[in-house]
């Protein structure tokens, strides 16, 4: 079985952030559909899009990175500063890739995605959900957000990796 090595998060302004799979807990792409449609630039393209997307990212992934166009920033700052994740690319151990365009709804160009929501727990783990009638609150309970026991949290993450 070919496992995922990393996930690239793509943003509306063509910026991106890469997260290694060892820092990803829960991960779901649901009800994936293949679509052929005219997109920007008058091109007709074929792509895959899920109805909903959810990811749990461990706080260890929130590293300081240097970017060519945007200077120095923390990864989670970019993931949460704007609600503008447009797609993800899965990079497999053997080098193969799969790209998915995520549900996106905004009133205007450069507006936040009304379908994107996120939360962080007290340890800094980040939870992101994207989809119509699908919110991070549907998955992440207050109990998870308010988990007090870091030892139990670390056991959970060791079981995932």
C-alpha atoms as a PDB file:
ATOM      1  CA  UNK A   1       0.000   0.000   0.000  1.00  0.00           C
ATOM      2  CA  UNK A   2       1.330   3.409  -1.010  1.00  0.00           C
ATOM      3  CA  UNK A   3       1.127   5.757   1.980  1.00  0.00           C
ATOM      4  CA  UNK A   4       0.943   9.552   1.990  1.00  0.00           C
ATOM      5  CA  UNK A   5       4.241  11.274   2.778  1.00  0.00           C
ATOM      6  CA  UNK A   6       2.892  14.841   2.975  1.00  0.00           C
ATOM      7  CA  UNK A   7      -0.092  17.054   2.202  1.00  0.00           C
ATOM      8  CA  UNK A   8       0.227  20.374   0.413  1.00  0.00           C
ATOM      9  CA  UNK A   9      -2.469  22.921   1.248  1.00  0.00           C
ATOM     10  CA  UNK A  10      -3.114  25.292  -1.668  1.00  0.00           C
ATOM     11  CA  UNK A  11      -4.545  28.788  -1.190  1.00  0.00           C
ATOM     12  CA  UNK A  12      -6.514  31.212  -3.344  1.00  0.00           C
ATOM     13  CA  UNK A  13      -3.439  33.410  -3.957  1.00  0.00           C
ATOM     14  CA  UNK A  14      -1.429  30.353  -5.204  1.00  0.00           C
ATOM     15  CA  UNK A  15       0.535  30.230  -1.936  1.00  0.00           C
ATOM     16  CA  UNK A  16       0.948  26.809  -0.295  1.00  0.00           C
ATOM     17  CA  UNK A  17       1.942  25.088   2.952  1.00  0.00           C
ATOM     18  CA  UNK A  18       3.236  21.528   3.290  1.00  0.00           C
ATOM     19  CA  UNK A  19       2.471  19.302   6.291  1.00  0.00           C
ATOM     20  CA  UNK A  20       4.241  15.961   6.791  1.00  0.00           C
ATOM     21  CA  UNK A  21       1.903  13.033   7.357  1.00  0.00           C
ATOM     22  CA  UNK A  22       3.490  12.280  10.750  1.00  0.00           C
ATOM     23  CA  UNK A  23       1.804  15.500  11.963  1.00  0.00           C
ATOM     24  CA  UNK A  24      -1.631  14.614  10.594  1.00  0.00           C
ATOM     25  CA  UNK A  25      -4.151  12.793  12.773  1.00  0.00           C
ATOM     26  CA  UNK A  26      -7.718  12.631  11.555  1.00  0.00           C
ATOM     27  CA  UNK A  27      -7.978  13.071   7.778  1.00  0.00           C
ATOM     28  CA  UNK A  28     -11.049  12.643   5.598  1.00  0.00           C
ATOM     29  CA  UNK A  29     -12.033  13.427   2.023  1.00  0.00           C
ATOM     30  CA  UNK A  30     -15.655  12.324   1.624  1.00  0.00           C
ATOM     31  CA  UNK A  31     -17.929  11.786  -1.385  1.00  0.00           C
ATOM     32  CA  UNK A  32     -15.291  12.494  -4.034  1.00  0.00           C
ATOM     33  CA  UNK A  33     -16.708  13.461  -7.422  1.00  0.00           C
ATOM     34  CA  UNK A  34     -15.003  13.867 -10.784  1.00  0.00           C
ATOM     35  CA  UNK A  35     -16.010  17.122 -12.478  1.00  0.00           C
ATOM     36  CA  UNK A  36     -15.342  18.531 -15.945  1.00  0.00           C
ATOM     37  CA  UNK A  37     -16.004  22.252 -16.269  1.00  0.00           C
ATOM     38  CA  UNK A  38     -14.757  25.522 -17.679  1.00  0.00           C
ATOM     39  CA  UNK A  39     -12.476  27.251 -15.217  1.00  0.00           C
ATOM     40  CA  UNK A  40     -10.491  30.483 -15.160  1.00  0.00           C
ATOM     41  CA  UNK A  41      -8.498  31.250 -18.276  1.00  0.00           C
ATOM     42  CA  UNK A  42     -11.188  29.699 -20.484  1.00  0.00           C
ATOM     43  CA  UNK A  43      -9.801  26.203 -19.964  1.00  0.00           C
ATOM     44  CA  UNK A  44     -12.046  23.191 -19.661  1.00  0.00           C
ATOM     45  CA  UNK A  45     -10.486  20.888 -17.080  1.00  0.00           C
ATOM     46  CA  UNK A  46     -11.192  17.629 -15.292  1.00  0.00           C
ATOM     47  CA  UNK A  47     -10.687  17.534 -11.530  1.00  0.00           C
ATOM     48  CA  UNK A  48     -11.768  15.737  -8.390  1.00  0.00           C
ATOM     49  CA  UNK A  49     -13.567  17.402  -5.508  1.00  0.00           C
ATOM     50  CA  UNK A  50     -14.859  16.032  -2.202  1.00  0.00           C
ATOM     51  CA  UNK A  51     -18.153  17.073  -0.690  1.00  0.00           C
ATOM     52  CA  UNK A  52     -16.409  17.517   2.681  1.00  0.00           C
ATOM     53  CA  UNK A  53     -12.848  17.683   3.980  1.00  0.00           C
ATOM     54  CA  UNK A  54     -11.521  17.358   7.525  1.00  0.00           C
ATOM     55  CA  UNK A  55      -7.974  17.356   8.889  1.00  0.00           C
ATOM     56  CA  UNK A  56      -6.412  17.306  12.350  1.00  0.00           C
ATOM     57  CA  UNK A  57      -2.871  18.736  12.447  1.00  0.00           C
ATOM     58  CA  UNK A  58      -0.544  18.281  15.416  1.00  0.00           C
ATOM     59  CA  UNK A  59       0.974  21.432  16.915  1.00  0.00           C
ATOM     60  CA  UNK A  60       4.472  20.113  16.034  1.00  0.00           C
ATOM     61  CA  UNK A  61       3.722  21.096  12.414  1.00  0.00           C
ATOM     62  CA  UNK A  62       3.434  24.764  13.392  1.00  0.00           C
ATOM     63  CA  UNK A  63       7.001  25.590  12.454  1.00  0.00           C
ATOM     64  CA  UNK A  64       8.491  28.917  11.474  1.00  0.00           C
ATOM     65  CA  UNK A  65       9.096  28.913   7.726  1.00  0.00           C
ATOM     66  CA  UNK A  66      10.807  31.320   5.363  1.00  0.00           C
ATOM     67  CA  UNK A  67       8.871  32.013   2.186  1.00  0.00           C
ATOM     68  CA  UNK A  68      10.121  33.705  -0.947  1.00  0.00           C
ATOM     69  CA  UNK A  69       7.083  35.935  -1.381  1.00  0.00           C
ATOM     70  CA  UNK A  70       5.715  36.378   2.153  1.00  0.00           C
ATOM     71  CA  UNK A  71       8.730  36.435   4.470  1.00  0.00           C
ATOM     72  CA  UNK A  72       8.906  34.497   7.737  1.00  0.00           C
ATOM     73  CA  UNK A  73       5.710  33.063   9.208  1.00  0.00           C
ATOM     74  CA  UNK A  74       4.337  30.199  11.265  1.00  0.00           C
ATOM     75  CA  UNK A  75       2.540  27.518   9.257  1.00  0.00           C
ATOM     76  CA  UNK A  76      -0.649  27.706  11.367  1.00  0.00           C
ATOM     77  CA  UNK A  77      -0.773  31.490  10.957  1.00  0.00           C
ATOM     78  CA  UNK A  78      -1.072  30.976   7.207  1.00  0.00           C
ATOM     79  CA  UNK A  79      -3.636  28.200   7.569  1.00  0.00           C
ATOM     80  CA  UNK A  80      -5.850  30.349   9.817  1.00  0.00           C
ATOM     81  CA  UNK A  81      -5.184  33.966   8.759  1.00  0.00           C
ATOM     82  CA  UNK A  82      -7.623  33.721   5.866  1.00  0.00           C
ATOM     83  CA  UNK A  83     -10.240  31.120   5.082  1.00  0.00           C
ATOM     84  CA  UNK A  84      -8.899  30.533   1.579  1.00  0.00           C
ATOM     85  CA  UNK A  85      -7.804  26.903   1.238  1.00  0.00           C
ATOM     86  CA  UNK A  86      -8.788  25.963  -2.323  1.00  0.00           C
ATOM     87  CA  UNK A  87      -7.188  22.559  -2.702  1.00  0.00           C
ATOM     88  CA  UNK A  88      -4.870  19.898  -1.372  1.00  0.00           C
ATOM     89  CA  UNK A  89      -2.271  17.748  -3.033  1.00  0.00           C
ATOM     90  CA  UNK A  90      -1.357  14.366  -1.573  1.00  0.00           C
ATOM     91  CA  UNK A  91       2.288  13.379  -2.063  1.00  0.00           C
ATOM     92  CA  UNK A  92       2.848   9.629  -1.788  1.00  0.00           C
ATOM     93  CA  UNK A  93       6.021   7.856  -0.642  1.00  0.00           C
ATOM     94  CA  UNK A  94       6.697   6.691  -4.224  1.00  0.00           C
ATOM     95  CA  UNK A  95       6.427  10.256  -5.587  1.00  0.00           C
ATOM     96  CA  UNK A  96       2.945   9.949  -7.091  1.00  0.00           C
ATOM     97  CA  UNK A  97       0.497  12.763  -6.402  1.00  0.00           C
ATOM     98  CA  UNK A  98      -3.259  13.324  -6.266  1.00  0.00           C
ATOM     99  CA  UNK A  99      -4.872  16.754  -6.275  1.00  0.00           C
ATOM    100  CA  UNK A 100      -8.328  17.674  -4.980  1.00  0.00           C
ATOM    101  CA  UNK A 101     -10.129  20.997  -5.309  1.00  0.00           C
ATOM    102  CA  UNK A 102     -12.046  21.707  -2.105  1.00  0.00           C
ATOM    103  CA  UNK A 103     -15.536  23.191  -1.771  1.00  0.00           C
ATOM    104  CA  UNK A 104     -15.323  26.992  -1.911  1.00  0.00           C
ATOM    105  CA  UNK A 105     -18.061  29.601  -1.568  1.00  0.00           C
ATOM    106  CA  UNK A 106     -17.521  33.334  -1.285  1.00  0.00           C
ATOM    107  CA  UNK A 107     -19.515  36.426  -2.128  1.00  0.00           C
ATOM    108  CA  UNK A 108     -16.670  38.238  -3.837  1.00  0.00           C
ATOM    109  CA  UNK A 109     -13.225  37.686  -5.253  1.00  0.00           C
ATOM    110  CA  UNK A 110     -10.670  37.480  -2.398  1.00  0.00           C
ATOM    111  CA  UNK A 111     -13.406  36.819   0.144  1.00  0.00           C
ATOM    112  CA  UNK A 112     -13.151  34.161   2.830  1.00  0.00           C
ATOM    113  CA  UNK A 113     -14.539  30.722   2.073  1.00  0.00           C
ATOM    114  CA  UNK A 114     -17.867  30.546   3.905  1.00  0.00           C
ATOM    115  CA  UNK A 115     -17.550  26.743   3.965  1.00  0.00           C
ATOM    116  CA  UNK A 116     -14.241  26.667   5.889  1.00  0.00           C
ATOM    117  CA  UNK A 117     -14.000  26.513   9.686  1.00  0.00           C
ATOM    118  CA  UNK A 118     -11.214  25.789  12.146  1.00  0.00           C
ATOM    119  CA  UNK A 119     -10.422  25.478  15.856  1.00  0.00           C
ATOM    120  CA  UNK A 120      -7.349  24.907  17.992  1.00  0.00           C
ATOM    121  CA  UNK A 121      -7.119  23.101  21.303  1.00  0.00           C
ATOM    122  CA  UNK A 122      -5.084  24.386  24.254  1.00  0.00           C
ATOM    123  CA  UNK A 123      -2.046  22.379  23.060  1.00  0.00           C
ATOM    124  CA  UNK A 124      -2.122  24.121  19.673  1.00  0.00           C
ATOM    125  CA  UNK A 125      -3.405  21.223  17.570  1.00  0.00           C
ATOM    126  CA  UNK A 126      -5.384  22.582  14.605  1.00  0.00           C
ATOM    127  CA  UNK A 127      -8.662  21.186  13.261  1.00  0.00           C
ATOM    128  CA  UNK A 128      -9.955  22.293   9.834  1.00  0.00           C
ATOM    129  CA  UNK A 129     -13.267  21.385   8.202  1.00  0.00           C
ATOM    130  CA  UNK A 130     -14.500  22.451   4.763  1.00  0.00           C
ATOM    131  CA  UNK A 131     -17.875  21.655   3.235  1.00  0.00           C
ATOM    132  CA  UNK A 132     -21.469  22.731   2.869  1.00  0.00           C
ATOM    133  CA  UNK A 133     -23.467  22.105   6.058  1.00  0.00           C
ATOM    134  CA  UNK A 134     -20.234  20.765   7.574  1.00  0.00           C
ATOM    135  CA  UNK A 135     -18.430  22.570  10.364  1.00  0.00           C
ATOM    136  CA  UNK A 136     -15.493  21.778  12.619  1.00  0.00           C
ATOM    137  CA  UNK A 137     -17.983  21.854  15.517  1.00  0.00           C
ATOM    138  CA  UNK A 138     -19.688  18.814  13.924  1.00  0.00           C
ATOM    139  CA  UNK A 139     -16.542  16.757  14.573  1.00  0.00           C
ATOM    140  CA  UNK A 140     -14.514  18.315  17.379  1.00  0.00           C
ATOM    141  CA  UNK A 141     -16.324  18.360  20.688  1.00  0.00           C
ATOM    142  CA  UNK A 142     -15.677  20.771  23.539  1.00  0.00           C
ATOM    143  CA  UNK A 143     -14.292  17.769  25.446  1.00  0.00           C
ATOM    144  CA  UNK A 144     -11.547  17.341  22.838  1.00  0.00           C
ATOM    145  CA  UNK A 145     -10.801  21.079  22.755  1.00  0.00           C
ATOM    146  CA  UNK A 146     -10.618  21.260  26.539  1.00  0.00           C
ATOM    147  CA  UNK A 147      -8.564  18.091  27.050  1.00  0.00           C
ATOM    148  CA  UNK A 148      -6.410  18.791  30.104  1.00  0.00           C
ATOM    149  CA  UNK A 149      -4.184  15.733  30.083  1.00  0.00           C
ATOM    150  CA  UNK A 150      -1.190  16.162  27.790  1.00  0.00           C
ATOM    151  CA  UNK A 151      -0.093  12.584  28.517  1.00  0.00           C
ATOM    152  CA  UNK A 152      -3.363  11.224  27.059  1.00  0.00           C
ATOM    153  CA  UNK A 153      -2.945  13.546  24.065  1.00  0.00           C
ATOM    154  CA  UNK A 154       0.578  12.234  23.442  1.00  0.00           C
ATOM    155  CA  UNK A 155      -0.647   8.629  23.666  1.00  0.00           C
ATOM    156  CA  UNK A 156      -3.291   9.431  21.060  1.00  0.00           C
ATOM    157  CA  UNK A 157      -0.713  10.938  18.702  1.00  0.00           C
ATOM    158  CA  UNK A 158       1.701   8.016  19.180  1.00  0.00           C
ATOM    159  CA  UNK A 159      -1.100   5.643  18.175  1.00  0.00           C
ATOM    160  CA  UNK A 160      -1.743   7.651  14.996  1.00  0.00           C
ATOM    161  CA  UNK A 161       1.858   7.816  13.791  1.00  0.00           C
END
